[in-house]
Amino acid sequence: MSVSKQPAPTNPLDEVLTLAEAARLSGLSPHTLVQQAERGKLRARKAGRTWITTREGLNEYLALHSRRRNKRDGLNGRRQSAQVGALAAARGGSAPTGNARLR
């Protein structure tokens, strides 16, 4: 089965997410993501009163986070990927499959 690649966004702002959006994509709480951003574990910046990150920054954090949790809990890491895919599809993008990252 071939997976069609989503074209690269033409607008760089398409890659920017608020931490509230990132929380919905990842299944983590916004509070957790803010804490991780403040600790420097999630690449994010504060724009006024709103924390923002990029899809790439979220993917990097999730990759590290899921590896640690998988080691601890013996999980296979697919739960977050499924949630990210479902929300991406709802937003009009193509849903990644398996452990695919956001594009």
Protein backbone atom coordinates (compact mmCIF):
# COMPACT_ATOMS: atom_id res chain seq x y z
CA MET A 1 0.00 0.00 0.00
CA SER A 2 1.46 3.35 -0.94
CA VAL A 3 1.07 6.40 1.22
CA SER A 4 0.68 9.64 -0.69
CA LYS A 5 2.99 12.34 0.55
CA GLN A 6 1.43 15.59 1.60
CA PRO A 7 3.01 18.48 -0.31
CA ALA A 8 5.24 20.80 1.69
CA PRO A 9 3.28 23.77 2.98
CA THR A 10 3.77 26.92 0.97
CA ASN A 11 3.13 29.12 3.99
CA PRO A 12 5.57 28.61 6.91
CA LEU A 13 2.80 29.60 9.31
CA ASP A 14 1.00 26.35 8.38
CA GLU A 15 3.66 24.58 10.45
CA VAL A 16 3.05 26.72 13.57
CA LEU A 17 0.81 25.32 16.29
CA THR A 18 -0.39 26.76 19.55
CA LEU A 19 0.27 24.46 22.49
CA ALA A 20 -3.51 23.95 22.73
CA GLU A 21 -3.49 22.58 19.14
CA ALA A 22 -0.36 20.57 19.89
CA ALA A 23 -2.11 19.10 22.94
CA ARG A 24 -5.08 17.98 20.83
CA LEU A 25 -2.73 16.46 18.25
CA SER A 26 -0.60 14.63 20.80
CA GLY A 27 -3.15 13.57 23.39
CA LEU A 28 -1.16 15.34 26.10
CA SER A 29 -2.55 18.13 28.26
CA PRO A 30 -1.79 21.76 27.40
CA HIS A 31 -0.45 22.19 30.93
CA THR A 32 2.09 19.39 30.39
CA LEU A 33 3.28 20.94 27.13
CA VAL A 34 3.64 24.39 28.75
CA GLN A 35 5.69 22.86 31.55
CA GLN A 36 7.91 21.05 29.05
CA ALA A 37 8.34 24.27 27.04
CA GLU A 38 9.30 26.19 30.17
CA ARG A 39 11.85 23.49 31.04
CA GLY A 40 13.29 23.62 27.53
CA LYS A 41 12.29 20.06 26.66
CA LEU A 42 9.78 21.15 23.99
CA ARG A 43 10.95 23.68 21.42
CA ALA A 44 8.39 26.47 21.86
CA ARG A 45 8.20 30.22 22.25
CA LYS A 46 5.79 32.56 23.87
CA ALA A 47 4.08 35.02 21.52
CA GLY A 48 2.31 37.46 23.80
CA ARG A 49 0.33 35.25 26.17
CA THR A 50 0.22 32.28 23.78
CA TRP A 51 2.78 29.48 23.61
CA ILE A 52 3.56 28.30 20.08
CA THR A 53 5.62 25.47 18.62
CA THR A 54 6.10 23.86 15.22
CA ARG A 55 5.04 20.46 13.94
CA GLU A 56 8.73 19.54 13.82
CA GLY A 57 9.23 20.60 17.44
CA LEU A 58 6.18 18.60 18.52
CA ASN A 59 7.35 15.54 16.58
CA GLU A 60 10.80 15.72 18.18
CA TYR A 61 9.28 15.97 21.66
CA LEU A 62 6.82 13.12 21.00
CA ALA A 63 9.57 10.88 19.64
CA LEU A 64 11.65 11.36 22.77
CA HIS A 65 8.64 11.26 25.09
CA SER A 66 7.15 8.09 23.58
CA ARG A 67 10.52 6.27 23.64
CA ARG A 68 10.88 6.94 27.36
CA ARG A 69 7.29 5.99 28.12
CA ASN A 70 7.52 2.86 25.97
CA LYS A 71 10.61 1.75 27.85
CA ARG A 72 8.88 2.36 31.17
CA ASP A 73 5.45 0.90 30.29
CA GLY A 74 6.33 -1.60 27.56
CA LEU A 75 4.04 0.17 25.04
CA ASN A 76 4.47 0.17 21.29
CA GLY A 77 4.07 3.95 20.76
CA ARG A 78 1.16 3.85 18.30
CA ARG A 79 -1.48 5.60 20.41
CA GLN A 80 -0.15 9.11 19.85
CA SER A 81 0.45 8.53 16.15
CA ALA A 82 -3.17 7.46 15.72
CA GLN A 83 -4.42 10.56 17.55
CA VAL A 84 -2.16 12.86 15.54
CA GLY A 85 -3.38 11.27 12.31
CA ALA A 86 -7.05 11.61 13.27
CA LEU A 87 -6.72 15.30 14.08
CA ALA A 88 -4.62 15.98 10.98
CA ALA A 89 -7.34 14.36 8.87
CA ALA A 90 -9.99 16.44 10.63
CA ARG A 91 -7.99 19.60 9.85
CA GLY A 92 -7.96 18.69 6.16
CA GLY A 93 -4.52 17.11 5.90
CA SER A 94 -3.74 13.52 5.13
CA ALA A 95 -3.57 11.22 8.10
CA PRO A 96 -0.21 9.56 8.73
CA THR A 97 -0.25 5.83 9.22
CA GLY A 98 1.58 3.70 11.78
CA ASN A 99 4.41 5.62 13.38
CA ALA A 100 4.55 8.24 10.62
CA ARG A 101 5.29 11.76 11.75
CA LEU A 102 3.35 14.89 10.97
CA ARG A 103 4.32 16.56 7.75
